[in-house]
């Protein structure tokens, strides 16, 4: 059976036509699923009883199950979710002044092999389906009860552009006024730098934000930290980002994790300024969440602020990411890795 949450509105309308139904049936079903949050076809009272039986024979309404729920003192919620096949996936809800942002995973495990990342300790098993990403939103909002998700960042476990079409369909549902109705500019997708997909993404016409996991100012350091740099160098990546800017006229975020003695020197800051000067971009400096099995250490707060100040002095828009969930498993992938016995 097909999980009905896997279908965008257009694809569900096509499916309705294949079942000799009018296309408006898809909108009707979306209303029940996403506005009324009904998870039982029998409760869909304005759908003919005979067709409800057809729906039950064709579709499942599958949501992930909560295995672990952690709530931090600052209100951050971290869930470890079990999919139908037993796969475990994390999702996190972070509370900002401007709203509630959910960090969505796109794969079970990750093959990008970033040296500092807890998610990469468990290799990719498979891509998440559209419905499994949608399910992260639905389950989180159930936990939040009367609150709603206002922002989405697709930067949990996995490389979103390695699961490109499913991520695009997920965004379509999240953005759809008949579903979650989350504005495109409140949705961000993060990639470690798959250049052909950045080019493809540039041509979608979406107003969804793009974030680039850069994390280094030169090829030598980036190749040490991120295997993807062996496929696409920093210059190739920057050229692709400049193409994205030219086509979309939109600003890009460069994510830069601060690692002591690795990428946090003033020389690194100078290189970074030279690399992105003049681009419509800003840098998000990320204090490192230390993972026990990782050899990397977190840059001192003083070093982070010196690095930040240098960028500001040289005309770079920069912020230091606010940290969440200090008293729970904060690093992306850490909760699942613990559950799987990979880290202590």
Protein backbone atom coordinates (compact mmCIF):
# COMPACT_ATOMS: atom_id res chain seq x y z
CA UNK A 1 0.00 0.00 0.00
CA UNK A 2 1.10 3.54 -0.72
CA UNK A 3 1.49 6.04 2.11
CA UNK A 4 -0.89 8.87 1.24
CA UNK A 5 1.54 11.37 2.82
CA UNK A 6 3.96 10.60 -0.04
CA UNK A 7 1.77 12.50 -2.51
CA UNK A 8 1.97 16.18 -3.38
CA UNK A 9 -1.38 17.78 -4.20
CA UNK A 10 -0.74 17.52 -7.96
CA UNK A 11 0.37 13.90 -7.75
CA UNK A 12 -2.62 13.01 -5.61
CA UNK A 13 -4.91 14.71 -8.14
CA UNK A 14 -3.34 12.60 -10.89
CA UNK A 15 -3.94 9.53 -8.73
CA UNK A 16 -7.58 10.48 -8.26
CA UNK A 17 -8.01 10.74 -12.04
CA UNK A 18 -6.50 7.28 -12.43
CA UNK A 19 -9.23 6.07 -10.05
CA UNK A 20 -11.93 7.73 -12.21
CA UNK A 21 -12.43 10.50 -9.67
CA UNK A 22 -12.43 14.28 -10.15
CA UNK A 23 -9.19 16.09 -9.37
CA UNK A 24 -10.88 18.09 -6.59
CA UNK A 25 -10.88 14.87 -4.54
CA UNK A 26 -7.19 15.51 -3.86
CA UNK A 27 -7.92 18.90 -2.30
CA UNK A 28 -10.69 17.30 -0.27
CA UNK A 29 -8.28 14.67 1.06
CA UNK A 30 -5.56 17.26 1.76
CA UNK A 31 -8.05 19.21 3.86
CA UNK A 32 -8.82 16.17 5.98
CA UNK A 33 -5.17 15.11 6.30
CA UNK A 34 -3.49 18.46 6.93
CA UNK A 35 -6.10 20.97 8.09
CA UNK A 36 -8.30 18.67 10.15
CA UNK A 37 -5.46 16.22 10.92
CA UNK A 38 -7.64 13.19 10.43
CA UNK A 39 -5.73 9.90 10.11
CA UNK A 40 -8.67 7.62 9.41
CA UNK A 41 -10.46 7.43 6.06
CA UNK A 42 -13.74 6.53 7.79
CA UNK A 43 -13.74 9.95 9.48
CA UNK A 44 -13.77 11.75 6.12
CA UNK A 45 -17.51 12.31 6.19
CA UNK A 46 -17.90 14.21 2.90
CA UNK A 47 -16.24 11.39 0.92
CA UNK A 48 -18.67 8.77 -0.37
CA UNK A 49 -18.57 5.62 1.73
CA UNK A 50 -17.87 3.43 -1.30
CA UNK A 51 -14.85 5.51 -2.28
CA UNK A 52 -13.63 5.54 1.31
CA UNK A 53 -13.38 1.76 1.02
CA UNK A 54 -11.37 2.14 -2.19
CA UNK A 55 -9.04 4.56 -0.44
CA UNK A 56 -8.49 2.10 2.41
CA UNK A 57 -7.54 -0.61 -0.07
CA UNK A 58 -5.03 1.59 -1.90
CA UNK A 59 -3.54 3.93 0.70
CA UNK A 60 -2.09 3.67 4.17
CA UNK A 61 -1.96 6.67 6.54
CA UNK A 62 1.44 6.01 8.10
CA UNK A 63 3.18 8.20 10.65
CA UNK A 64 6.50 7.56 12.43
CA UNK A 65 6.44 6.38 16.04
CA UNK A 66 8.21 8.27 18.82
CA UNK A 67 10.98 6.15 20.37
CA UNK A 68 12.65 8.85 22.47
CA UNK A 69 11.45 12.34 23.36
CA UNK A 70 13.80 14.87 24.93
CA UNK A 71 12.71 18.34 26.03
CA UNK A 72 15.44 20.80 27.01
CA UNK A 73 15.17 23.55 29.58
CA UNK A 74 15.07 26.11 26.77
CA UNK A 75 12.04 24.37 25.21
CA UNK A 76 13.94 22.59 22.45
CA UNK A 77 12.28 19.26 21.57
CA UNK A 78 14.29 16.40 20.10
CA UNK A 79 12.54 13.28 18.84
CA UNK A 80 13.95 9.94 17.79
CA UNK A 81 11.37 8.50 15.39
CA UNK A 82 10.94 4.94 14.15
CA UNK A 83 9.78 4.46 10.58
CA UNK A 84 7.65 1.52 9.41
CA UNK A 85 10.72 -0.56 8.55
CA UNK A 86 12.32 0.10 11.94
CA UNK A 87 14.72 2.78 10.71
CA UNK A 88 15.49 5.49 13.27
CA UNK A 89 15.52 9.20 12.38
CA UNK A 90 15.94 12.38 14.43
CA UNK A 91 14.04 15.65 14.20
CA UNK A 92 14.42 18.75 16.36
CA UNK A 93 12.15 21.69 17.19
CA UNK A 94 13.94 24.95 18.07
CA UNK A 95 12.17 27.98 19.52
CA UNK A 96 13.15 31.42 18.26
CA UNK A 97 11.63 34.82 18.91
CA UNK A 98 10.27 34.76 15.36
CA UNK A 99 8.69 31.30 15.59
CA UNK A 100 9.11 27.54 15.90
CA UNK A 101 11.66 26.03 13.52
CA UNK A 102 11.90 22.31 12.85
CA UNK A 103 15.09 20.64 11.64
CA UNK A 104 14.08 17.82 9.29
CA UNK A 105 16.17 14.78 8.36
CA UNK A 106 16.18 13.65 4.72
CA UNK A 107 17.97 10.29 4.90
CA UNK A 108 18.51 7.36 7.25
CA UNK A 109 22.20 7.87 7.96
CA UNK A 110 24.52 9.82 5.69
CA UNK A 111 27.26 8.95 3.20
CA UNK A 112 28.81 12.40 2.93
CA UNK A 113 31.38 11.48 5.57
CA UNK A 114 31.95 14.90 7.12
CA UNK A 115 34.64 14.24 9.72
CA UNK A 116 33.07 16.34 12.50
CA UNK A 117 29.47 15.13 12.14
CA UNK A 118 27.70 12.64 14.40
CA UNK A 119 25.20 11.86 11.61
CA UNK A 120 27.99 10.43 9.45
CA UNK A 121 28.96 7.90 12.11
CA UNK A 122 26.07 5.80 10.75
CA UNK A 123 26.28 5.31 7.00
CA UNK A 124 23.32 5.89 4.76
CA UNK A 125 20.81 3.05 4.76
CA UNK A 126 18.30 4.68 2.45
CA UNK A 127 16.56 7.90 1.47
CA UNK A 128 13.55 9.02 3.44
CA UNK A 129 10.28 9.07 1.53
CA UNK A 130 8.23 12.22 1.13
CA UNK A 131 5.74 10.87 3.66
CA UNK A 132 8.45 10.17 6.22
CA UNK A 133 9.63 13.78 6.02
CA UNK A 134 6.03 15.04 6.21
CA UNK A 135 5.56 12.70 9.16
CA UNK A 136 8.31 14.48 11.09
CA UNK A 137 6.24 17.68 10.94
CA UNK A 138 2.97 15.99 11.85
CA UNK A 139 4.40 14.08 14.81
CA UNK A 140 6.25 17.14 16.11
CA UNK A 141 3.11 19.27 15.96
CA UNK A 142 1.25 16.53 17.87
CA UNK A 143 3.89 16.82 20.60
CA UNK A 144 3.59 20.63 20.53
CA UNK A 145 -0.20 20.33 20.94
CA UNK A 146 -1.67 23.78 20.36
CA UNK A 147 1.47 25.27 18.77
CA UNK A 148 2.40 25.25 15.08
CA UNK A 149 5.64 24.97 13.15
CA UNK A 150 6.44 28.25 11.39
CA UNK A 151 9.86 27.52 9.85
CA UNK A 152 11.58 24.48 8.34
CA UNK A 153 15.28 23.75 7.89
CA UNK A 154 16.12 20.61 5.91
CA UNK A 155 19.51 20.10 7.50
CA UNK A 156 19.13 17.18 9.87
CA UNK A 157 20.62 13.77 9.12
CA UNK A 158 21.40 13.18 5.46
CA UNK A 159 22.28 15.26 2.41
CA UNK A 160 19.04 16.75 1.01
CA UNK A 161 20.38 17.06 -2.54
CA UNK A 162 21.26 13.34 -2.48
CA UNK A 163 17.49 12.76 -2.09
CA UNK A 164 16.57 15.63 -4.36
CA UNK A 165 13.11 14.84 -5.76
CA UNK A 166 11.69 13.59 -2.47
CA UNK A 167 12.92 16.75 -0.73
CA UNK A 168 11.38 18.93 -3.45
CA UNK A 169 8.04 17.12 -3.07
CA UNK A 170 8.23 17.48 0.71
CA UNK A 171 8.76 21.23 0.31
CA UNK A 172 5.77 21.37 -2.04
CA UNK A 173 3.53 19.88 0.67
CA UNK A 174 5.00 22.02 3.46
CA UNK A 175 4.45 25.17 1.40
CA UNK A 176 1.00 24.27 0.04
CA UNK A 177 -1.87 26.45 1.39
CA UNK A 178 -4.00 23.30 1.53
CA UNK A 179 -1.45 21.60 3.79
CA UNK A 180 1.02 23.21 6.24
CA UNK A 181 0.97 26.63 4.55
CA UNK A 182 4.56 27.45 5.56
CA UNK A 183 5.90 30.29 3.42
CA UNK A 184 8.69 29.44 0.98
CA UNK A 185 10.93 32.08 2.55
CA UNK A 186 10.48 30.33 5.89
CA UNK A 187 11.94 27.11 4.45
CA UNK A 188 15.68 26.47 4.06
CA UNK A 189 17.57 23.61 2.46
CA UNK A 190 21.20 22.92 3.36
CA UNK A 191 23.67 21.10 1.12
CA UNK A 192 27.29 20.15 1.66
CA UNK A 193 27.94 21.19 -1.94
CA UNK A 194 26.64 18.86 -4.67
CA UNK A 195 27.31 21.29 -7.50
CA UNK A 196 25.02 19.84 -10.24
CA UNK A 197 22.06 19.86 -7.85
CA UNK A 198 22.74 23.47 -6.83
CA UNK A 199 22.51 24.36 -10.52
CA UNK A 200 19.29 22.34 -10.89
CA UNK A 201 17.84 23.91 -7.74
CA UNK A 202 18.62 27.36 -9.15
CA UNK A 203 16.17 26.75 -11.99
CA UNK A 204 13.15 25.68 -9.92
CA UNK A 205 11.80 29.20 -9.37
CA UNK A 206 11.31 28.43 -5.69
CA UNK A 207 11.70 31.18 -3.11
CA UNK A 208 13.05 28.60 -0.66
CA UNK A 209 16.34 29.54 1.01
CA UNK A 210 19.65 27.83 0.23
CA UNK A 211 22.35 27.17 2.84
CA UNK A 212 25.81 25.85 1.99
CA UNK A 213 27.82 23.83 4.51
CA UNK A 214 31.20 25.42 3.80
CA UNK A 215 33.15 24.93 7.05
CA UNK A 216 36.54 25.83 5.58
CA UNK A 217 38.24 28.64 3.69
CA UNK A 218 40.62 26.55 1.53
CA UNK A 219 40.62 23.22 -0.30
CA UNK A 220 43.18 21.52 1.92
CA UNK A 221 41.18 22.06 5.09
CA UNK A 222 37.81 21.44 3.46
CA UNK A 223 38.97 18.14 1.93
CA UNK A 224 40.16 17.08 5.39
CA UNK A 225 36.78 17.88 6.89
CA UNK A 226 34.41 17.08 4.01
CA UNK A 227 34.83 14.28 1.45
CA UNK A 228 32.54 16.12 -0.98
CA UNK A 229 35.35 18.61 -1.58
CA UNK A 230 37.29 15.87 -3.38
CA UNK A 231 34.48 15.79 -5.95
CA UNK A 232 33.72 19.52 -6.11
CA UNK A 233 36.42 21.99 -5.07
CA UNK A 234 35.71 25.20 -3.21
CA UNK A 235 36.07 27.22 -6.43
CA UNK A 236 33.57 24.98 -8.23
CA UNK A 237 31.19 25.31 -5.30
CA UNK A 238 31.50 29.10 -5.17
CA UNK A 239 30.94 29.30 -8.94
CA UNK A 240 27.72 27.28 -8.53
CA UNK A 241 26.56 29.54 -5.70
CA UNK A 242 27.28 32.62 -7.80
CA UNK A 243 25.18 31.06 -10.59
CA UNK A 244 22.37 30.49 -8.06
CA UNK A 245 22.58 34.13 -6.97
CA UNK A 246 22.52 35.36 -10.56
CA UNK A 247 19.47 33.26 -11.50
CA UNK A 248 17.43 33.65 -8.32
CA UNK A 249 18.55 37.06 -7.00
CA UNK A 250 18.42 35.45 -3.56
CA UNK A 251 20.86 35.53 -0.67
CA UNK A 252 22.78 32.41 0.33
CA UNK A 253 23.83 31.33 3.82
CA UNK A 254 27.29 29.85 4.35
CA UNK A 255 27.38 27.57 7.38
CA UNK A 256 30.80 27.54 9.07
CA UNK A 257 31.41 25.29 12.06
CA UNK A 258 34.15 26.56 14.38
CA UNK A 259 36.81 23.94 15.16
CA UNK A 260 39.73 24.76 17.43
CA UNK A 261 43.03 24.97 15.57
CA UNK A 262 41.48 23.74 12.33
CA UNK A 263 39.56 26.58 10.67
CA UNK A 264 39.28 29.34 13.25
CA UNK A 265 42.45 31.42 12.77
CA UNK A 266 42.61 35.00 11.51
CA UNK A 267 44.30 33.64 8.38
CA UNK A 268 41.21 31.47 7.84
CA UNK A 269 39.02 34.53 8.33
CA UNK A 270 41.06 36.45 5.75
CA UNK A 271 40.71 33.58 3.28
CA UNK A 272 36.99 33.44 3.87
CA UNK A 273 36.59 37.16 3.25
CA UNK A 274 38.54 36.85 -0.01
CA UNK A 275 36.44 33.85 -1.04
CA UNK A 276 32.96 35.37 -0.62
CA UNK A 277 33.53 39.13 -0.72
CA UNK A 278 30.95 40.83 -2.93
CA UNK A 279 28.50 37.93 -2.88
CA UNK A 280 24.89 38.29 -1.71
CA UNK A 281 25.55 36.04 1.25
CA UNK A 282 25.99 35.87 4.95
CA UNK A 283 27.99 33.58 7.19
CA UNK A 284 26.50 31.61 10.07
CA UNK A 285 29.27 30.71 12.53
CA UNK A 286 28.39 27.53 14.41
CA UNK A 287 29.90 26.67 17.81
CA UNK A 288 30.78 22.97 17.61
CA UNK A 289 28.80 20.45 19.64
CA UNK A 290 31.55 18.06 20.75
CA UNK A 291 31.00 14.37 19.93
CA UNK A 292 32.98 11.98 22.13
CA UNK A 293 34.28 9.87 19.25
CA UNK A 294 35.40 12.95 17.27
CA UNK A 295 38.98 14.31 17.50
CA UNK A 296 37.76 17.88 17.06
CA UNK A 297 37.38 20.49 19.77
CA UNK A 298 35.12 23.51 19.97
CA UNK A 299 36.69 26.90 19.33
CA UNK A 300 36.72 29.15 22.38
CA UNK A 301 34.06 31.82 22.61
CA UNK A 302 36.82 34.41 22.43
CA UNK A 303 38.18 32.95 19.18
CA UNK A 304 34.70 32.75 17.68
CA UNK A 305 34.05 36.43 18.46
CA UNK A 306 37.46 37.51 17.09
CA UNK A 307 36.72 35.59 13.87
CA UNK A 308 33.23 37.11 13.71
CA UNK A 309 34.47 40.64 14.31
CA UNK A 310 37.06 40.33 11.52
CA UNK A 311 34.38 39.29 9.05
CA UNK A 312 32.18 42.22 10.11
CA UNK A 313 35.05 44.68 9.79
CA UNK A 314 35.57 43.51 6.23
CA UNK A 315 31.98 43.90 5.10
CA UNK A 316 30.74 40.33 5.54
CA UNK A 317 27.28 39.81 7.03
CA UNK A 318 27.80 37.32 9.83
CA UNK A 319 25.97 35.86 12.82
CA UNK A 320 26.87 33.37 15.53
CA UNK A 321 24.27 30.64 15.68
CA UNK A 322 22.21 30.53 18.82
CA UNK A 323 22.68 27.23 20.61
CA UNK A 324 19.79 25.02 21.63
CA UNK A 325 19.29 21.99 23.85
CA UNK A 326 22.42 22.21 26.00
CA UNK A 327 21.01 19.66 28.44
CA UNK A 328 19.99 17.07 25.80
CA UNK A 329 21.82 15.33 22.93
CA UNK A 330 22.39 18.52 21.00
CA UNK A 331 24.54 17.47 18.05
CA UNK A 332 22.73 16.36 14.91
CA UNK A 333 22.67 12.56 14.78
CA UNK A 334 23.87 12.17 18.37
CA UNK A 335 20.65 10.76 19.79
CA UNK A 336 20.33 8.11 17.07
CA UNK A 337 24.02 7.21 17.27
CA UNK A 338 23.63 6.64 21.00
CA UNK A 339 20.54 4.50 20.46
CA UNK A 340 22.42 2.43 17.87
CA UNK A 341 25.40 2.04 20.21
CA UNK A 342 27.86 3.91 17.98
CA UNK A 343 28.67 6.54 20.63
CA UNK A 344 28.29 6.54 24.40
